[in-house]
PDB file of N, CA and C in Angstrom:
ATOM      1  N   MET A   1     102.288 108.786 117.229  1.00  0.00           N
ATOM      2  CA  MET A   1     103.202 107.756 116.736  1.00  0.00           C
ATOM      3  C   MET A   1     102.233 106.579 116.671  1.00  0.00           C
ATOM      4  N   ASN A   2     101.473 106.129 117.385  1.00  0.00           N
ATOM      5  CA  ASN A   2     100.671 105.175 117.172  1.00  0.00           C
ATOM      6  C   ASN A   2     100.161 105.162 115.796  1.00  0.00           C
ATOM      7  N   ARG A   3      99.309 106.226 115.327  1.00  0.00           N
ATOM      8  CA  ARG A   3      98.841 106.429 113.846  1.00  0.00           C
ATOM      9  C   ARG A   3     100.020 105.839 112.816  1.00  0.00           C
ATOM     10  N   LEU A   4     101.165 106.392 113.009  1.00  0.00           N
ATOM     11  CA  LEU A   4     102.429 106.164 111.994  1.00  0.00           C
ATOM     12  C   LEU A   4     102.595 104.684 111.953  1.00  0.00           C
ATOM     13  N   VAL A   5     102.591 103.858 113.175  1.00  0.00           N
ATOM     14  CA  VAL A   5     102.680 102.628 113.042  1.00  0.00           C
ATOM     15  C   VAL A   5     101.556 101.832 112.331  1.00  0.00           C
ATOM     16  N   SER A   6     100.284 102.187 112.878  1.00  0.00           N
ATOM     17  CA  SER A   6      99.365 101.721 112.320  1.00  0.00           C
ATOM     18  C   SER A   6      99.544 101.905 110.815  1.00  0.00           C
ATOM     19  N   ILE A   7      99.952 102.928 110.208  1.00  0.00           N
ATOM     20  CA  ILE A   7     100.186 103.140 108.753  1.00  0.00           C
ATOM     21  C   ILE A   7     101.204 102.079 107.999  1.00  0.00           C
ATOM     22  N   LEU A   8     102.643 102.248 108.801  1.00  0.00           N
ATOM     23  CA  LEU A   8     103.378 101.820 107.959  1.00  0.00           C
ATOM     24  C   LEU A   8     103.905 100.132 108.245  1.00  0.00           C
ATOM     25  N   TRP A   9     103.126  99.613 109.532  1.00  0.00           N
ATOM     26  CA  TRP A   9     103.485  98.095 109.744  1.00  0.00           C
ATOM     27  C   TRP A   9     102.731  97.251 108.732  1.00  0.00           C
ATOM     28  N   PRO A  10     101.618  97.436 108.520  1.00  0.00           N
ATOM     29  CA  PRO A  10     100.492  97.025 107.643  1.00  0.00           C
ATOM     30  C   PRO A  10     100.945  97.222 106.259  1.00  0.00           C
ATOM     31  N   ALA A  11     101.508  98.416 105.806  1.00  0.00           N
ATOM     32  CA  ALA A  11     102.100  98.595 104.418  1.00  0.00           C
ATOM     33  C   ALA A  11     103.260  97.907 104.164  1.00  0.00           C
ATOM     34  N   PHE A  12     103.829  97.810 105.293  1.00  0.00           N
ATOM     35  CA  PHE A  12     105.210  97.171 105.048  1.00  0.00           C
ATOM     36  C   PHE A  12     104.928  95.513 104.557  1.00  0.00           C
ATOM     37  N   VAL A  13     104.109  94.965 105.267  1.00  0.00           N
ATOM     38  CA  VAL A  13     103.489  93.439 105.081  1.00  0.00           C
ATOM     39  C   VAL A  13     103.021  93.407 103.838  1.00  0.00           C
ATOM     40  N   VAL A  14     102.276  94.256 103.642  1.00  0.00           N
ATOM     41  CA  VAL A  14     101.747  94.123 102.116  1.00  0.00           C
ATOM     42  C   VAL A  14     102.627  94.631 101.113  1.00  0.00           C
ATOM     43  N   GLY A  15     103.235  95.335 101.405  1.00  0.00           N
ATOM     44  CA  GLY A  15     104.547  95.788 100.111  1.00  0.00           C
ATOM     45  C   GLY A  15     105.241  94.410  99.864  1.00  0.00           C
ATOM     46  N   GLY A  16     105.556  93.567 100.986  1.00  0.00           N
ATOM     47  CA  GLY A  16     106.465  92.432 100.919  1.00  0.00           C
ATOM     48  C   GLY A  16     105.737  91.658  99.958  1.00  0.00           C
ATOM     49  N   ALA A  17     104.231  91.548 100.544  1.00  0.00           N
ATOM     50  CA  ALA A  17     103.640  90.050  99.925  1.00  0.00           C
ATOM     51  C   ALA A  17     103.266  90.630  98.428  1.00  0.00           C
ATOM     52  N   ALA A  18     103.300  91.807  97.952  1.00  0.00           N
ATOM     53  CA  ALA A  18     102.889  92.274  96.712  1.00  0.00           C
ATOM     54  C   ALA A  18     104.066  92.037  95.744  1.00  0.00           C
ATOM     55  N   GLU A  19     105.401  92.411  96.396  1.00  0.00           N
ATOM     56  CA  GLU A  19     106.426  92.429  95.837  1.00  0.00           C
ATOM     57  C   GLU A  19     106.955  90.645  95.060  1.00  0.00           C
ATOM     58  N   VAL A  20     106.298  89.755  96.291  1.00  0.00           N
ATOM     59  CA  VAL A  20     106.751  88.210  96.333  1.00  0.00           C
ATOM     60  C   VAL A  20     105.793  87.649  94.788  1.00  0.00           C
ATOM     61  N   VAL A  21     104.548  88.349  94.983  1.00  0.00           N
ATOM     62  CA  VAL A  21     103.480  88.091  94.081  1.00  0.00           C
ATOM     63  C   VAL A  21     103.866  88.589  92.432  1.00  0.00           C
ATOM     64  N   PHE A  22     104.146  89.942  92.402  1.00  0.00           N
ATOM     65  CA  PHE A  22     104.648  90.413  91.270  1.00  0.00           C
ATOM     66  C   PHE A  22     106.020  89.895  90.735  1.00  0.00           C
ATOM     67  N   PHE A  23     107.028  89.740  91.539  1.00  0.00           N
ATOM     68  CA  PHE A  23     108.000  89.198  90.836  1.00  0.00           C
ATOM     69  C   PHE A  23     108.184  87.639  90.548  1.00  0.00           C
ATOM     70  N   THR A  24     107.251  87.061  91.191  1.00  0.00           N
ATOM     71  CA  THR A  24     106.951  85.906  90.787  1.00  0.00           C
ATOM     72  C   THR A  24     106.575  85.413  89.477  1.00  0.00           C
ATOM     73  N   VAL A  25     105.701  86.527  88.918  1.00  0.00           N
ATOM     74  CA  VAL A  25     105.108  86.607  87.639  1.00  0.00           C
ATOM     75  C   VAL A  25     105.835  87.026  86.722  1.00  0.00           C
ATOM     76  N   VAL A  26     106.519  87.904  87.068  1.00  0.00           N
ATOM     77  CA  VAL A  26     107.536  89.220  86.195  1.00  0.00           C
ATOM     78  C   VAL A  26     108.812  88.826  86.690  1.00  0.00           C
ATOM     79  N   ALA A  27     110.075  88.680  85.681  1.00  0.00           N
ATOM     80  CA  ALA A  27     111.190  88.695  86.080  1.00  0.00           C
ATOM     81  C   ALA A  27     111.677  90.045  85.622  1.00  0.00           C
ATOM     82  N   PRO A  28     112.793  90.547  86.738  1.00  0.00           N
ATOM     83  CA  PRO A  28     113.130  91.860  86.925  1.00  0.00           C
ATOM     84  C   PRO A  28     113.768  92.311  85.422  1.00  0.00           C
ATOM     85  N   GLN A  29     114.263  91.159  84.269  1.00  0.00           N
ATOM     86  CA  GLN A  29     114.979  91.324  83.055  1.00  0.00           C
ATOM     87  C   GLN A  29     113.791  91.906  82.116  1.00  0.00           C
ATOM     88  N   GLU A  30     112.526  91.406  82.420  1.00  0.00           N
ATOM     89  CA  GLU A  30     111.534  91.753  81.474  1.00  0.00           C
ATOM     90  C   GLU A  30     110.613  92.787  81.696  1.00  0.00           C
ATOM     91  N   LEU A  31     111.104  93.841  82.820  1.00  0.00           N
ATOM     92  CA  LEU A  31     110.718  95.086  82.764  1.00  0.00           C
ATOM     93  C   LEU A  31     110.761  96.332  81.888  1.00  0.00           C
ATOM     94  N   TYR A  32     109.786  97.268  81.417  1.00  0.00           N
ATOM     95  CA  TYR A  32     110.477  98.030  80.390  1.00  0.00           C
ATOM     96  C   TYR A  32     109.770  99.387  81.138  1.00  0.00           C
ATOM     97  N   PHE A  33     110.424 100.258  81.180  1.00  0.00           N
ATOM     98  CA  PHE A  33     109.873 101.874  81.696  1.00  0.00           C
ATOM     99  C   PHE A  33     110.213 102.683  80.381  1.00  0.00           C
ATOM    100  N   PHE A  34     108.831 103.371  80.017  1.00  0.00           N
ATOM    101  CA  PHE A  34     108.646 104.333  79.086  1.00  0.00           C
ATOM    102  C   PHE A  34     109.184 103.809  77.516  1.00  0.00           C
ATOM    103  N   GLY A  35     109.289 102.344  77.727  1.00  0.00           N
ATOM    104  CA  GLY A  35     109.528 101.554  76.430  1.00  0.00           C
ATOM    105  C   GLY A  35     110.944 101.128  76.219  1.00  0.00           C
ATOM    106  N   GLU A  36     111.562 101.639  77.478  1.00  0.00           N
ATOM    107  CA  GLU A  36     113.163 101.238  77.602  1.00  0.00           C
ATOM    108  C   GLU A  36     113.357  99.769  78.460  1.00  0.00           C
ATOM    109  N   ALA A  37     114.232  99.097  77.875  1.00  0.00           N
ATOM    110  CA  ALA A  37     114.525  97.847  79.045  1.00  0.00           C
ATOM    111  C   ALA A  37     115.264  98.601  80.479  1.00  0.00           C
ATOM    112  N   VAL A  38     114.709  98.118  81.358  1.00  0.00           N
ATOM    113  CA  VAL A  38     115.510  98.515  82.867  1.00  0.00           C
ATOM    114  C   VAL A  38     116.813  98.074  82.783  1.00  0.00           C
ATOM    115  N   GLU A  39     117.811  98.836  83.182  1.00  0.00           N
ATOM    116  CA  GLU A  39     119.087  98.394  82.882  1.00  0.00           C
ATOM    117  C   GLU A  39     119.777  98.072  84.349  1.00  0.00           C
ATOM    118  N   LEU A  40     118.843  98.120  85.310  1.00  0.00           N
ATOM    119  CA  LEU A  40     119.129  97.770  86.997  1.00  0.00           C
ATOM    120  C   LEU A  40     119.327  96.301  86.705  1.00  0.00           C
ATOM    121  N   GLY A  41     120.294  96.039  87.751  1.00  0.00           N
ATOM    122  CA  GLY A  41     120.423  94.428  87.908  1.00  0.00           C
ATOM    123  C   GLY A  41     119.266  94.266  89.272  1.00  0.00           C
ATOM    124  N   PRO A  42     118.844  92.564  89.143  1.00  0.00           N
ATOM    125  CA  PRO A  42     117.769  92.167  89.992  1.00  0.00           C
ATOM    126  C   PRO A  42     117.746  92.650  91.084  1.00  0.00           C
ATOM    127  N   LEU A  43     118.825  92.723  92.002  1.00  0.00           N
ATOM    128  CA  LEU A  43     118.767  93.199  93.279  1.00  0.00           C
ATOM    129  C   LEU A  43     118.059  94.571  93.539  1.00  0.00           C
ATOM    130  N   ALA A  44     118.868  95.420  92.717  1.00  0.00           N
ATOM    131  CA  ALA A  44     118.162  96.737  92.565  1.00  0.00           C
ATOM    132  C   ALA A  44     116.733  96.839  92.302  1.00  0.00           C
ATOM    133  N   THR A  45     116.651  96.301  91.346  1.00  0.00           N
ATOM    134  CA  THR A  45     114.774  96.192  90.921  1.00  0.00           C
ATOM    135  C   THR A  45     114.218  95.503  91.903  1.00  0.00           C
ATOM    136  N   TYR A  46     114.332  94.673  92.715  1.00  0.00           N
ATOM    137  CA  TYR A  46     113.687  94.036  93.820  1.00  0.00           C
ATOM    138  C   TYR A  46     113.536  95.254  94.908  1.00  0.00           C
ATOM    139  N   THR A  47     114.631  96.020  95.188  1.00  0.00           N
ATOM    140  CA  THR A  47     114.627  96.967  96.007  1.00  0.00           C
ATOM    141  C   THR A  47     113.561  97.889  95.842  1.00  0.00           C
ATOM    142  N   ILE A  48     113.825  98.874  94.550  1.00  0.00           N
ATOM    143  CA  ILE A  48     112.914  99.681  94.166  1.00  0.00           C
ATOM    144  C   ILE A  48     111.307  99.333  94.215  1.00  0.00           C
ATOM    145  N   GLY A  49     111.177  98.102  93.336  1.00  0.00           N
ATOM    146  CA  GLY A  49     109.880  97.559  93.409  1.00  0.00           C
ATOM    147  C   GLY A  49     109.406  97.388  95.162  1.00  0.00           C
ATOM    148  N   PHE A  50     110.145  96.954  95.821  1.00  0.00           N
ATOM    149  CA  PHE A  50     109.186  96.787  97.508  1.00  0.00           C
ATOM    150  C   PHE A  50     109.081  98.204  98.062  1.00  0.00           C
ATOM    151  N   PHE A  51     110.059  98.942  97.443  1.00  0.00           N
ATOM    152  CA  PHE A  51     109.505 100.482  98.273  1.00  0.00           C
ATOM    153  C   PHE A  51     108.652 101.080  97.396  1.00  0.00           C
ATOM    154  N   LEU A  52     108.414 100.971  96.335  1.00  0.00           N
ATOM    155  CA  LEU A  52     106.999 101.299  95.429  1.00  0.00           C
ATOM    156  C   LEU A  52     106.030 100.774  95.871  1.00  0.00           C
ATOM    157  N   PHE A  53     105.904  99.362  96.336  1.00  0.00           N
ATOM    158  CA  PHE A  53     104.849  98.802  96.807  1.00  0.00           C
ATOM    159  C   PHE A  53     104.417  99.442  98.059  1.00  0.00           C
ATOM    160  N   TRP A  54     105.688  99.385  99.154  1.00  0.00           N
ATOM    161  CA  TRP A  54     105.367  99.765 100.322  1.00  0.00           C
ATOM    162  C   TRP A  54     104.828 101.376 100.230  1.00  0.00           C
ATOM    163  N   CYS A  55     105.344 102.318  99.365  1.00  0.00           N
ATOM    164  CA  CYS A  55     104.796 103.433  99.505  1.00  0.00           C
ATOM    165  C   CYS A  55     103.120 103.625  99.125  1.00  0.00           C
ATOM    166  N   ILE A  56     102.973 102.455  98.229  1.00  0.00           N
ATOM    167  CA  ILE A  56     101.468 102.424  97.583  1.00  0.00           C
ATOM    168  C   ILE A  56     100.489 102.109  98.709  1.00  0.00           C
ATOM    169  N   ALA A  57     101.258 100.790  99.119  1.00  0.00           N
ATOM    170  CA  ALA A  57     100.433 100.481 100.606  1.00  0.00           C
ATOM    171  C   ALA A  57      99.915 101.510 101.621  1.00  0.00           C
ATOM    172  N   ALA A  58     101.311 102.316 102.068  1.00  0.00           N
ATOM    173  CA  ALA A  58     101.376 103.514 102.900  1.00  0.00           C
ATOM    174  C   ALA A  58     100.212 104.124 102.609  1.00  0.00           C
ATOM    175  N   ALA A  59     100.021 104.386 101.400  1.00  0.00           N
ATOM    176  CA  ALA A  59      99.316 105.668 100.918  1.00  0.00           C
ATOM    177  C   ALA A  59      97.750 105.175 101.134  1.00  0.00           C
ATOM    178  N   SER A  60      97.309 103.982 100.950  1.00  0.00           N
ATOM    179  CA  SER A  60      96.277 103.138 101.129  1.00  0.00           C
ATOM    180  C   SER A  60      95.846 103.428 102.762  1.00  0.00           C
ATOM    181  N   SER A  61      96.875 102.734 103.406  1.00  0.00           N
ATOM    182  CA  SER A  61      96.613 102.666 105.172  1.00  0.00           C
ATOM    183  C   SER A  61      96.348 104.188 105.349  1.00  0.00           C
ATOM    184  N   ALA A  62      97.324 105.222 104.994  1.00  0.00           N
ATOM    185  CA  ALA A  62      97.056 106.611 105.486  1.00  0.00           C
ATOM    186  C   ALA A  62      95.749 107.137 105.182  1.00  0.00           C
ATOM    187  N   PHE A  63      95.160 106.809 104.154  1.00  0.00           N
ATOM    188  CA  PHE A  63      93.807 107.056 103.818  1.00  0.00           C
ATOM    189  C   PHE A  63      92.647 106.473 104.508  1.00  0.00           C
ATOM    190  N   THR A  64      93.234 105.209 104.782  1.00  0.00           N
ATOM    191  CA  THR A  64      92.029 104.612 105.843  1.00  0.00           C
ATOM    192  C   THR A  64      92.166 105.559 107.162  1.00  0.00           C
ATOM    193  N   VAL A  65      93.089 105.659 107.765  1.00  0.00           N
ATOM    194  CA  VAL A  65      93.251 106.313 108.933  1.00  0.00           C
ATOM    195  C   VAL A  65      92.516 107.400 108.972  1.00  0.00           C
ATOM    196  N   PHE A  66      92.875 108.161 107.860  1.00  0.00           N
ATOM    197  CA  PHE A  66      92.332 109.744 107.588  1.00  0.00           C
ATOM    198  C   PHE A  66      90.612 109.405 107.801  1.00  0.00           C
ATOM    199  N   LEU A  67      90.264 108.250 107.119  1.00  0.00           N
ATOM    200  CA  LEU A  67      88.480 108.350 106.816  1.00  0.00           C
ATOM    201  C   LEU A  67      88.030 107.848 108.258  1.00  0.00           C
ATOM    202  N   GLN A  68      88.784 107.347 109.403  1.00  0.00           N
ATOM    203  CA  GLN A  68      88.512 106.839 110.512  1.00  0.00           C
ATOM    204  C   GLN A  68      88.253 108.086 111.670  1.00  0.00           C
ATOM    205  N   LYS A  69      88.889 109.302 111.106  1.00  0.00           N
ATOM    206  CA  LYS A  69      88.587 110.189 112.322  1.00  0.00           C
ATOM    207  C   LYS A  69      87.039 110.581 112.479  1.00  0.00           C
ATOM    208  N   SER A  70      86.814 110.700 113.592  1.00  0.00           N
ATOM    209  CA  SER A  70      85.336 111.303 113.920  1.00  0.00           C
ATOM    210  C   SER A  70      85.005 112.668 113.615  1.00  0.00           C
ATOM    211  N   ALA A  71      83.836 112.731 113.804  1.00  0.00           N
ATOM    212  CA  ALA A  71      83.296 114.178 113.551  1.00  0.00           C
ATOM    213  C   ALA A  71      83.987 115.151 114.227  1.00  0.00           C
ATOM    214  N   GLU A  72      84.331 114.879 115.631  1.00  0.00           N
ATOM    215  CA  GLU A  72      84.660 115.883 116.442  1.00  0.00           C
ATOM    216  C   GLU A  72      86.013 116.121 116.574  1.00  0.00           C
ATOM    217  N   GLU A  73      86.910 114.989 115.937  1.00  0.00           N
ATOM    218  CA  GLU A  73      88.396 115.454 115.527  1.00  0.00           C
ATOM    219  C   GLU A  73      88.257 116.357 114.471  1.00  0.00           C
ATOM    220  N   ILE A  74      87.511 116.074 113.513  1.00  0.00           N
ATOM    221  CA  ILE A  74      87.954 116.942 112.122  1.00  0.00           C
ATOM    222  C   ILE A  74      87.277 118.444 112.604  1.00  0.00           C
ATOM    223  N   ASN A  75      86.392 118.656 113.218  1.00  0.00           N
ATOM    224  CA  ASN A  75      85.603 120.063 113.516  1.00  0.00           C
ATOM    225  C   ASN A  75      86.328 120.657 114.882  1.00  0.00           C
ATOM    226  N   ARG A  76      87.252 120.034 115.419  1.00  0.00           N
ATOM    227  CA  ARG A  76      87.713 120.679 116.602  1.00  0.00           C
ATOM    228  C   ARG A  76      88.609 121.636 116.568  1.00  0.00           C
ATOM    229  N   CYS A  77      88.449 122.835 117.189  1.00  0.00           N
ATOM    230  CA  CYS A  77      89.257 124.036 117.042  1.00  0.00           C
ATOM    231  C   CYS A  77      90.540 123.773 117.818  1.00  0.00           C
ATOM    232  N   PRO A  78      91.711 123.957 116.917  1.00  0.00           N
ATOM    233  CA  PRO A  78      92.909 123.893 117.576  1.00  0.00           C
ATOM    234  C   PRO A  78      93.468 124.886 118.687  1.00  0.00           C
ATOM    235  N   LEU A  79      92.578 126.057 118.815  1.00  0.00           N
ATOM    236  CA  LEU A  79      93.073 127.007 119.605  1.00  0.00           C
ATOM    237  C   LEU A  79      91.858 126.934 121.134  1.00  0.00           C
ATOM    238  N   GLU A  80      92.716 127.421 122.107  1.00  0.00           N
ATOM    239  CA  GLU A  80      92.125 127.614 123.247  1.00  0.00           C
ATOM    240  C   GLU A  80      90.947 128.698 123.128  1.00  0.00           C
ATOM    241  N   PRO A  81      89.976 128.644 123.836  1.00  0.00           N
ATOM    242  CA  PRO A  81      88.843 129.526 123.610  1.00  0.00           C
ATOM    243  C   PRO A  81      89.527 131.254 123.861  1.00  0.00           C
ATOM    244  N   ARG A  82      90.153 131.338 124.772  1.00  0.00           N
ATOM    245  CA  ARG A  82      90.856 132.674 125.252  1.00  0.00           C
ATOM    246  C   ARG A  82      92.039 133.211 123.844  1.00  0.00           C
ATOM    247  N   GLU A  83      92.198 132.277 123.013  1.00  0.00           N
ATOM    248  CA  GLU A  83      93.178 132.471 121.943  1.00  0.00           C
ATOM    249  C   GLU A  83      92.392 132.644 120.709  1.00  0.00           C
ATOM    250  N   ARG A  84      91.037 132.354 120.362  1.00  0.00           N
ATOM    251  CA  ARG A  84      90.570 132.157 119.381  1.00  0.00           C
ATOM    252  C   ARG A  84      90.337 133.897 119.013  1.00  0.00           C
ATOM    253  N   PRO A  85      90.163 134.093 117.557  1.00  0.00           N
ATOM    254  CA  PRO A  85      89.724 135.338 117.070  1.00  0.00           C
ATOM    255  C   PRO A  85      88.544 136.011 117.245  1.00  0.00           C
ATOM    256  N   PRO A  86      88.610 137.547 117.339  1.00  0.00           N
ATOM    257  CA  PRO A  86      87.348 138.018 117.587  1.00  0.00           C
ATOM    258  C   PRO A  86      86.279 137.457 116.426  1.00  0.00           C
ATOM    259  N   GLY A  87      85.144 137.434 116.782  1.00  0.00           N
ATOM    260  CA  GLY A  87      83.992 137.153 115.880  1.00  0.00           C
ATOM    261  C   GLY A  87      83.921 135.531 115.853  1.00  0.00           C
ATOM    262  N   CYS A  88      85.008 134.698 116.273  1.00  0.00           N
ATOM    263  CA  CYS A  88      84.569 133.420 116.268  1.00  0.00           C
ATOM    264  C   CYS A  88      83.878 133.003 117.146  1.00  0.00           C
ATOM    265  N   PRO A  89      82.472 132.245 116.718  1.00  0.00           N
ATOM    266  CA  PRO A  89      81.514 131.791 117.762  1.00  0.00           C
ATOM    267  C   PRO A  89      81.907 131.117 119.205  1.00  0.00           C
ATOM    268  N   LYS A  90      83.050 130.530 118.954  1.00  0.00           N
ATOM    269  CA  LYS A  90      83.209 129.851 120.001  1.00  0.00           C
ATOM    270  C   LYS A  90      84.309 130.320 120.856  1.00  0.00           C
ATOM    271  N   ALA A  91      84.619 131.693 120.870  1.00  0.00           N
ATOM    272  CA  ALA A  91      85.623 132.562 121.535  1.00  0.00           C
ATOM    273  C   ALA A  91      84.933 132.806 122.689  1.00  0.00           C
ATOM    274  N   GLU A  92      85.704 133.089 124.003  1.00  0.00           N
ATOM    275  CA  GLU A  92      85.267 133.245 125.218  1.00  0.00           C
ATOM    276  C   GLU A  92      85.157 134.975 124.868  1.00  0.00           C
ATOM    277  N   PRO A  93      84.128 135.289 125.804  1.00  0.00           N
ATOM    278  CA  PRO A  93      83.711 136.813 125.637  1.00  0.00           C
ATOM    279  C   PRO A  93      84.619 137.526 126.366  1.00  0.00           C
TER     280      PRO A  93
END
């Protein structure tokens, strides 16, 4: 749960800041998607934009959390020694 909060909360703040900066420069009526003007109202455009920015920031935060794992966390076997398959070098004899 701690890692999830470490990912989503900073992403929420960055998503909000990115939306403010983006929509300060670009008006919702000026957006085009695959060559077609966006037909959504400004509130819907702001909402979708916020969630897109939030998802991008969450992906970045999740990647950072993944890269912070130690070698022990990455290489640790999830099975107890007595439950490991035969031939595993770390299995109990």
